[in-house]
Amino acid sequence: MNKEIKEVRSTCIPIRIDNCNTDLIIPARYLSTTTRDPQFFGDAFMHDLRFDGEGQPVQDFVMNRMPFSEAPREGVNQIIVAGQNWGSGSSREHAAWAIAGYGVRVVISSSFADIHRNNLLNCFVLPVVVSEAFQQELFASIAADAKTQVVVDLEKQTVENTATGHREQFPINSYKKYCLLHGYDDIDFLLENKDKIISFEEQRSDK
């Protein structure tokens, strides 16, 4: 997976569910596995809404309808436009693994559960907070034209609805922004600054 995020320009999957909790994002029965295989968790993403008890696709669920059923790839379905309070409920990091494993790079909502938002960032998925008005505009644009693209520019911290030309800025922690722009996890960041850390420790030891 390409960990870097600079600009994501893509059509979107609209998941218009307020208070979508982590048990919906990935059911609890998937938490006992010892694998970290991205495809395993990607296949489990929204599983119990996507499939019925017999394992058959639920036809009226958005992720089973074209073009939203297409697997995410460059420019296609790499962005989720979600309902309010996305990722509420338990703190399971598996929910973020599922979203990343499915191939999503950005989740847009008017609000996120704090722990889930941080888990997304750690999985190189960008949570973008927008106003409720902009969120509803995105849902309306996608409903009118499923090919509507959204452009998320991390460097400028902007999100644009190409159907209307409207744009908003979004907040992000400066450290996490740096890490996403460079594709760094916390260990990568420490390794990049290894010489500075050693120098600092040497200065302290001399005192």
Foldseek 3Di string as FASTA:
>chain_A
DQLADFKAKAFAQEAEDAQAALCQQANPVVVPDPDLQLQVLQCRGSQPQQAPPVRHGPCPHRCNDPPNVDQDDRRYHQEYLYEHAPHDDDLDLSSLSNNVSSRHQEYEYQYYDVSNCVSVLLSSHHYFHDHPVVSVVSVVVCVVPSRFIWMQGLVQQKIAGVVVRDMDHGDDDPVSSVCNNVSHHPVNVCVVCVVVVVVVVVVVVVD
